[in-house]
Each structure stands twice: as C-alpha cells, then as structure tokens.
Protein backbone atom coordinates (compact mmCIF):
# COMPACT_ATOMS: atom_id res chain seq x y z
CA MET A 1 14.77 12.82 -1.36
CA SER A 2 15.81 10.22 1.23
CA THR A 3 16.90 6.70 0.34
CA TRP A 4 13.71 5.41 1.96
CA SER A 5 11.53 7.74 -0.16
CA ARG A 6 13.35 6.73 -3.32
CA ALA A 7 12.77 3.06 -2.51
CA LEU A 8 9.05 3.70 -1.95
CA PHE A 9 8.64 5.55 -5.23
CA ALA A 10 10.67 2.89 -7.05
CA HIS A 11 8.26 0.28 -5.72
CA ALA A 12 5.33 2.40 -6.87
CA GLU A 13 6.81 2.50 -10.38
CA ARG A 14 7.21 -1.28 -10.39
CA LEU A 15 3.58 -1.66 -9.40
CA ARG A 16 2.54 0.62 -12.26
CA ASP A 17 4.65 -1.37 -14.70
CA GLU A 18 2.94 -4.56 -13.46
CA ARG A 19 -0.49 -2.89 -13.77
CA ALA A 20 -1.12 -3.57 -10.07
CA PRO A 21 -3.58 -1.18 -8.38
CA PHE A 22 -2.59 0.60 -5.17
CA VAL A 23 -3.24 3.75 -3.17
CA LEU A 24 -0.67 6.45 -2.48
CA ALA A 25 -1.28 7.85 1.03
CA THR A 26 0.40 11.20 1.79
CA VAL A 27 0.33 13.02 5.12
CA VAL A 28 -0.65 16.63 4.43
CA ARG A 29 -1.18 17.86 8.00
CA ALA A 30 -0.24 16.55 11.42
CA ARG A 31 -0.94 17.77 14.95
CA ARG A 32 1.40 16.63 17.68
CA PRO A 33 1.95 14.38 19.48
CA THR A 34 1.30 12.21 16.41
CA SER A 35 4.48 10.58 15.10
CA ALA A 36 3.68 11.39 11.46
CA THR A 37 4.91 14.53 9.74
CA PRO A 38 3.68 16.24 6.55
CA GLY A 39 5.18 14.55 3.52
CA ASP A 40 5.27 11.07 5.03
CA ARG A 41 3.95 8.54 2.56
CA ALA A 42 2.81 4.94 2.30
CA LEU A 43 1.44 2.57 -0.32
CA VAL A 44 -1.71 0.57 0.36
CA LEU A 45 -1.72 -2.55 -1.81
CA ALA A 46 -4.80 -4.47 -2.93
CA ASP A 47 -4.20 -7.19 -0.30
CA GLY A 48 -4.17 -4.62 2.51
CA THR A 49 -0.42 -4.45 2.89
CA VAL A 50 0.79 -0.99 3.96
CA GLU A 51 4.33 -0.08 2.94
CA GLY A 52 5.83 3.16 4.21
CA PHE A 53 5.02 5.31 7.23
CA VAL A 54 1.98 7.47 7.95
CA GLY A 55 1.86 7.19 11.73
CA GLY A 56 1.53 4.59 14.47
CA VAL A 57 -0.13 1.20 14.22
CA CYS A 58 -3.66 2.52 14.84
CA ALA A 59 -3.32 5.24 12.20
CA GLU A 60 -1.90 2.62 9.85
CA SER A 61 -4.92 0.39 10.50
CA THR A 62 -7.29 3.23 9.55
CA VAL A 63 -5.24 4.03 6.43
CA ARG A 64 -5.39 0.35 5.44
CA LEU A 65 -9.19 0.25 5.71
CA GLU A 66 -9.83 3.59 4.03
CA GLY A 67 -7.21 2.85 1.38
CA LEU A 68 -9.00 -0.35 0.41
CA ARG A 69 -12.28 1.58 0.24
CA VAL A 70 -10.63 4.11 -2.08
CA LEU A 71 -9.38 1.29 -4.32
CA ALA A 72 -12.90 -0.12 -4.48
CA SER A 73 -14.47 3.23 -5.38
CA GLY A 74 -11.64 4.59 -7.54
CA ARG A 75 -12.15 8.06 -5.98
CA ALA A 76 -9.46 10.06 -4.19
CA THR A 77 -10.28 10.88 -0.56
CA MET A 78 -9.07 13.23 2.15
CA LEU A 79 -8.81 11.24 5.37
CA ARG A 80 -8.87 12.95 8.77
CA ILE A 81 -7.89 10.83 11.77
CA THR A 82 -8.63 12.42 15.13
CA PRO A 83 -8.85 11.23 18.76
CA ASP A 84 -11.99 13.33 19.25
CA ALA A 85 -14.98 10.99 19.23
CA ALA A 86 -17.26 14.00 18.66
CA ALA A 87 -15.75 14.34 15.18
CA GLU A 88 -17.79 11.36 14.06
CA SER A 89 -20.98 13.33 14.56
CA ALA A 90 -19.76 15.96 12.11
CA GLU A 91 -19.06 13.42 9.39
CA GLY A 92 -22.38 14.01 7.70
CA GLU A 93 -21.66 17.76 7.46
CA GLN A 94 -18.21 17.58 5.91
CA GLU A 95 -17.34 18.29 2.32
CA PRO A 96 -17.59 15.55 -0.32
CA ASP A 97 -14.74 13.04 -0.67
CA THR A 98 -13.62 13.68 2.91
CA VAL A 99 -13.75 11.04 5.62
CA THR A 100 -13.30 11.77 9.33
CA VAL A 101 -12.46 8.86 11.61
CA ALA A 102 -12.34 9.00 15.40
CA ASN A 103 -9.35 6.88 16.39
CA PRO A 104 -9.41 5.95 20.10
CA CYS A 105 -5.81 4.70 19.90
CA LEU A 106 -4.26 8.09 19.11
CA SER A 107 -2.45 9.77 22.00
CA GLY A 108 -3.95 13.21 21.48
CA GLY A 109 -2.61 13.98 18.02
CA ALA A 110 -4.40 14.20 14.70
CA VAL A 111 -3.38 13.61 11.11
CA GLU A 112 -4.83 14.35 7.68
CA LEU A 113 -3.90 12.30 4.63
CA PHE A 114 -4.64 12.41 0.93
CA LEU A 115 -5.49 8.94 -0.40
CA GLU A 116 -4.99 8.77 -4.15
CA PRO A 117 -5.94 5.60 -6.08
CA GLN A 118 -3.39 4.49 -8.64
CA LEU A 119 -5.35 2.36 -11.09
CA PRO A 120 -3.79 0.98 -14.26
CA PRO A 121 -4.59 3.06 -17.35
CA PRO A 122 -6.79 1.47 -20.02
CA LEU A 123 -4.84 -1.16 -21.94
CA VAL A 124 -5.21 -1.22 -25.72
CA GLU A 125 -3.53 -3.78 -27.93
CA VAL A 126 -3.22 -2.78 -31.59
CA PHE A 127 -2.56 -5.40 -34.23
CA GLY A 128 -1.03 -4.28 -37.53
CA ASP A 129 1.47 -1.81 -38.92
CA SER A 130 -0.80 0.17 -41.21
CA PRO A 131 -1.06 4.00 -41.09
CA THR A 132 -4.23 3.60 -39.00
CA ALA A 133 -2.45 1.23 -36.59
CA ARG A 134 0.34 3.74 -36.14
CA ALA A 135 -2.21 6.52 -35.60
CA LEU A 136 -3.95 4.39 -32.97
CA ARG A 137 -0.68 4.11 -31.04
CA GLU A 138 0.02 7.84 -31.30
CA VAL A 139 -3.46 8.97 -30.27
CA GLY A 140 -3.54 6.43 -27.43
CA ALA A 141 -0.28 7.80 -26.06
CA VAL A 142 -1.77 11.30 -26.01
CA LEU A 143 -4.72 9.93 -24.01
CA ASP A 144 -2.22 8.39 -21.55
CA TYR A 145 -3.47 4.88 -22.37
CA ASP A 146 -1.23 1.85 -22.14
CA VAL A 147 -1.01 1.06 -25.87
CA ARG A 148 0.88 -2.05 -26.92
CA THR A 149 1.64 -3.85 -30.17
CA CYS A 150 -0.36 -7.05 -30.42
CA ALA A 151 1.44 -10.23 -31.49
CA PRO A 152 0.11 -12.39 -34.38
CA ASP A 153 -0.52 -15.25 -31.92
CA PRO A 154 -1.62 -13.33 -28.83
CA ASP A 155 -2.40 -14.67 -25.38
CA PHE A 156 -4.80 -12.26 -23.73
CA GLY A 157 -4.89 -14.26 -20.50
CA ASP A 158 -8.04 -13.62 -18.50
CA GLY A 159 -9.25 -10.93 -20.86
CA THR A 160 -8.39 -7.93 -18.70
CA GLU A 161 -7.36 -5.95 -21.78
CA THR A 162 -9.61 -2.97 -22.18
CA ALA A 163 -9.52 -3.20 -25.96
CA VAL A 164 -8.04 -5.03 -28.92
CA VAL A 165 -8.08 -3.23 -32.27
CA VAL A 166 -7.13 -5.05 -35.47
CA ALA A 167 -5.84 -2.67 -38.13
CA SER A 168 -3.78 -4.89 -40.41
CA HIS A 169 -5.94 -4.49 -43.53
CA GLY A 170 -6.53 -8.19 -44.14
CA ARG A 171 -3.29 -9.65 -42.77
CA ASP A 172 -3.70 -12.38 -40.12
CA GLU A 173 -6.86 -10.80 -38.71
CA GLU A 174 -8.87 -13.89 -37.81
CA PRO A 175 -6.49 -15.50 -35.22
CA VAL A 176 -6.27 -12.23 -33.29
CA LEU A 177 -10.02 -11.66 -33.37
CA ARG A 178 -10.73 -15.23 -32.22
CA ALA A 179 -8.27 -14.95 -29.34
CA ALA A 180 -9.77 -11.65 -28.21
CA LEU A 181 -13.34 -12.97 -28.32
CA ARG A 182 -12.49 -16.20 -26.52
CA SER A 183 -10.65 -14.30 -23.78
CA GLY A 184 -13.62 -12.03 -23.14
CA VAL A 185 -11.84 -8.80 -24.06
CA ALA A 186 -14.28 -5.97 -23.38
CA TYR A 187 -13.84 -4.13 -26.68
CA VAL A 188 -12.82 -5.81 -29.94
CA GLY A 189 -12.56 -3.63 -33.03
CA LEU A 190 -11.76 -4.33 -36.67
CA ILE A 191 -10.72 -1.57 -39.08
CA ALA A 192 -12.47 -2.54 -42.31
CA SER A 193 -15.19 -1.44 -44.67
CA PRO A 194 -18.71 -2.59 -43.79
CA ARG A 195 -18.70 -5.20 -46.56
CA ARG A 196 -15.28 -6.66 -45.78
CA GLY A 197 -15.94 -6.50 -42.04
CA ARG A 198 -19.10 -8.60 -42.48
CA ALA A 199 -17.20 -11.16 -44.54
CA VAL A 200 -14.50 -11.46 -41.83
CA LEU A 201 -17.10 -11.96 -39.08
CA ASP A 202 -18.87 -14.65 -41.12
CA ALA A 203 -15.57 -16.47 -41.62
CA LEU A 204 -14.70 -16.40 -37.92
CA GLY A 205 -17.23 -19.04 -36.97
CA GLU A 206 -17.42 -17.69 -33.42
CA PRO A 207 -20.80 -17.65 -31.62
CA ASP A 208 -20.23 -14.11 -30.34
CA ALA A 209 -18.63 -12.69 -33.48
CA GLU A 210 -21.22 -9.89 -33.38
CA ARG A 211 -19.29 -8.42 -30.45
CA VAL A 212 -16.65 -7.24 -32.90
CA HIS A 213 -17.08 -3.55 -33.71
CA THR A 214 -16.65 -3.17 -37.45
CA PRO A 215 -16.19 -0.72 -38.94
CA ALA A 216 -14.50 0.14 -35.64
CA GLY A 217 -15.17 3.59 -34.24
CA LEU A 218 -18.09 5.97 -33.89
CA ASP A 219 -19.46 7.45 -37.08
CA LEU A 220 -17.79 10.86 -36.91
CA GLY A 221 -17.16 11.20 -40.62
CA ALA A 222 -13.50 10.32 -40.06
CA ARG A 223 -11.25 10.11 -43.12
CA SER A 224 -7.58 10.34 -42.16
CA PRO A 225 -5.82 7.67 -40.07
CA HIS A 226 -5.71 9.95 -37.03
CA GLU A 227 -9.39 10.83 -37.39
CA ILE A 228 -10.20 7.12 -37.59
CA ALA A 229 -8.09 6.52 -34.48
CA LEU A 230 -9.98 9.30 -32.69
CA SER A 231 -13.31 7.69 -33.60
CA VAL A 232 -12.11 4.30 -32.29
CA TYR A 233 -11.07 5.75 -28.93
CA ALA A 234 -14.37 7.63 -28.74
CA GLU A 235 -16.16 4.30 -29.14
CA ILE A 236 -13.94 2.67 -26.51
CA VAL A 237 -14.81 5.45 -24.07
CA ALA A 238 -18.52 5.24 -24.93
CA THR A 239 -18.66 1.48 -24.36
CA ARG A 240 -16.28 1.08 -21.41
CA PRO A 241 -17.68 -0.63 -18.32
CA GLY A 242 -18.62 1.17 -15.13
CA VAL A 243 -16.87 1.13 -11.75
CA PRO A 244 -18.01 -2.35 -10.57
CA GLU A 245 -16.67 -3.97 -13.74
CA GLN A 246 -13.56 -1.80 -13.59
CA ARG A 247 -12.90 -3.13 -10.11
CA ARG A 248 -13.06 -6.70 -11.36
CA GLU A 249 -10.78 -5.80 -14.25
CA HIS A 250 -8.14 -4.49 -11.87
CA THR A 251 -8.55 -7.45 -9.48
CA VAL A 252 -9.35 -5.22 -6.53
CA PRO A 253 -11.16 -7.35 -3.93
CA GLU A 254 -14.30 -6.29 -2.14
CA VAL A 255 -13.59 -4.61 1.21
CA VAL A 256 -14.38 -6.90 4.14
CA GLU A 257 -14.54 -5.27 7.56
CA ALA A 258 -14.52 -6.37 11.20
CA VAL A 259 -14.62 -4.66 14.59
CA ASP A 260 -11.65 -4.85 16.93
CA PRO A 261 -13.17 -6.45 20.07
CA VAL A 262 -10.73 -4.63 22.35
CA CYS A 263 -10.89 -0.97 21.25
CA GLY A 264 -13.97 -1.01 19.00
CA MET A 265 -12.24 0.27 15.87
CA THR A 266 -13.44 -0.86 12.46
CA VAL A 267 -10.58 -2.62 10.69
CA ALA A 268 -10.02 -4.27 7.34
CA VAL A 269 -10.06 -8.05 7.11
CA ALA A 270 -6.76 -8.56 5.32
CA PRO A 271 -3.74 -10.88 5.57
CA SER A 272 -1.64 -8.06 7.05
CA THR A 273 -4.20 -7.18 9.75
CA PRO A 274 -3.27 -8.55 13.22
CA GLN A 275 -5.63 -11.43 13.96
CA SER A 276 -6.30 -14.31 16.31
CA SER A 277 -8.63 -17.29 16.65
CA TYR A 278 -10.66 -18.17 19.71
CA GLU A 279 -13.30 -20.89 20.06
CA GLY A 280 -13.57 -21.37 16.31
CA ARG A 281 -13.87 -17.69 15.42
CA ARG A 282 -11.32 -15.27 14.01
CA TYR A 283 -10.86 -11.79 15.45
CA TYR A 284 -9.10 -8.82 13.86
CA PHE A 285 -7.30 -5.98 15.60
CA CYS A 286 -6.08 -2.45 14.89
CA GLY A 287 -2.58 -3.27 16.13
CA ILE A 288 -0.36 -5.55 18.15
CA GLY A 289 -1.40 -3.91 21.45
CA CYS A 290 -5.05 -4.92 21.07
CA ALA A 291 -4.05 -8.35 19.78
CA GLU A 292 -1.89 -8.94 22.86
CA ALA A 293 -4.65 -7.70 25.19
CA PHE A 294 -7.06 -10.14 23.55
CA ALA A 295 -4.59 -13.02 23.82
CA ALA A 296 -4.12 -12.33 27.54
CA TRP A 297 -7.87 -12.49 28.28
CA PRO A 298 -9.84 -13.70 25.23
CA ALA A 299 -12.98 -14.65 27.12
CA ARG A 300 -13.44 -11.08 28.32
CA TYR A 301 -13.41 -9.55 24.85
CA ALA A 302 -14.99 -12.38 22.85
CA THR A 303 -18.22 -12.04 24.81
CA SER A 304 -18.69 -8.53 23.42
CA GLY A 305 -19.72 -10.07 20.11
CA ALA A 306 -17.63 -7.54 18.17
CA HIS A 307 -15.83 -9.94 15.90
CA ALA A 308 -15.73 -11.42 12.44
CA GLY A 309 -16.81 -15.00 12.07
C-alpha cells in the first residue's frame, strides 16, 4: 500500500473514531483516456470535501454530488460516469442502486465507482457494573455497536446517543436518567422490576419520565443477564428512528444542488465547489475551467438562468 493510500485510510479511521459520517468512493473500472485507475479511492465528507483521487475535476464534481446523495440516503451506490449523453436515457432501465451520469467534461473515457456510506454505528451508553451491565457491553460488541461506559454525571451533549441503559440496580440511577431525558436521547432504558421502575420514574419529577423504558427490553421471557441484554437490544432495534431521523442524528446536511451555467452539469452546493458571484447571485461550477470561463464572460452565461440564487 502506498504512503498516500495509508494516509487516506488513516484519515478514514480518524473520522470513524470521531463518529463523523463520510463516503468511501472506490474506482472499480476505468476506460481510457480517463486519468483514474481501478483501486483509486477518495473520501467524500459531509461538507462536500473530496479527499483522494478518483479522476479529473469533472469526475470529482460528480462524485461529490452523488456521494452527498449517498450520505443522505444511507444506501451504497454504483456510480457510472460516461461521456455518452445517450446513457442518461438508459438510466430508468438500469439495475437498482446504480446511477449513470453523462459527464460532458470527460475526454472520451468512462469510470465506474462504488460509493459506500460510512455511518457511525449505533451508540449505546451503559451505566452500572452489574452482571446485566457487563452483558449489555458484551452483546453490544457482538452487534458491532459503539458501546461505552456511562459516567455518573454524564453530559450527553445534543442527545445524539442512540441509547442510554441504566443497569446499576439502584445506584445513582436518577441523575443519569434525568440527563438522558433532558438531552433528548432517543432510547432511555432502566433495568428494574416493574414496581421499582415505577417508583424511580415517580421520583424523577421529569415531565417526560414516561419515555423511560422500564423494565427495559422486549418481553422475551429473558432470565439470564445475557438474555436480558438481548431483549434490550431487540427493543432498541424495534424503536430506532427511520432514515430521516438517522440523517439528523449523524448531522448529514440535506443535499443542495445547482446547475453549472457553462457546461450544464448538476453540481453540489458545497463550500468546496468552485463558485462565483455575479449581479447579486451565486453560481456553482463543476471545476476551475468552467469557473474561469464564467469569470471571463459572466453576462453570456448568467443569462442562461442555470444558476443557484
């Protein structure tokens, strides 16, 4: 693996550690004279930044736009970029999860890429050191969840945690439950008997205390700590939010698009997209070439009306 590839993958690991969503774009097929080769890779970040190499500036512009769409949907996509405008007409006939884009900037080549969303795994904070708490950590690891030990005085921030489960059997439960409720954590669970769970909720004094799942977990007839942990994760899965809420949880912005007034390509409106202002309006471009052409004769291209306000 080259030094450049190692640096790219190291950055990807840092993004995963920071729970930052991104897309891994990998070239799987290339037809000359495109400058990309199979195995070339790039990362598409949530702000539209493209790091790595998957072809020239126009191909990069298409990867930026489609990468942001993949982040928004959470679904992997095969992207075909071709200079053949007729390929657009076949888009409705292609297999699912495949997108074909006619790129007028390509110099006769074509490239296919696999766009794979890298979304943070569900985050579960477990409070307590009881046998059930330990089982929750073990079962969560098997599910490939991001399971962490919750502090007695937690700060859940903006409430992006998927779940908080209190399994301390009466020790310091109320501060953790209050913090989770006030932060808007999606799933809050308390391991307790029905009677004790009701007493804890009454003592909380929180207006939305009924959001706490207690006894936590689906009624599967669980008895052992690991069976209880399984029932809790089953309930987390059953109550997790859908894709729109998941997108908000991972702070992936909505995809905003514009049309390059020079070449007609659809591009993403992002900080890293080449752009220019003219007569109070902002225009976005597929690459520096179109941006320079616009700057040399803005009145010619601005009259086309293909711009973002």
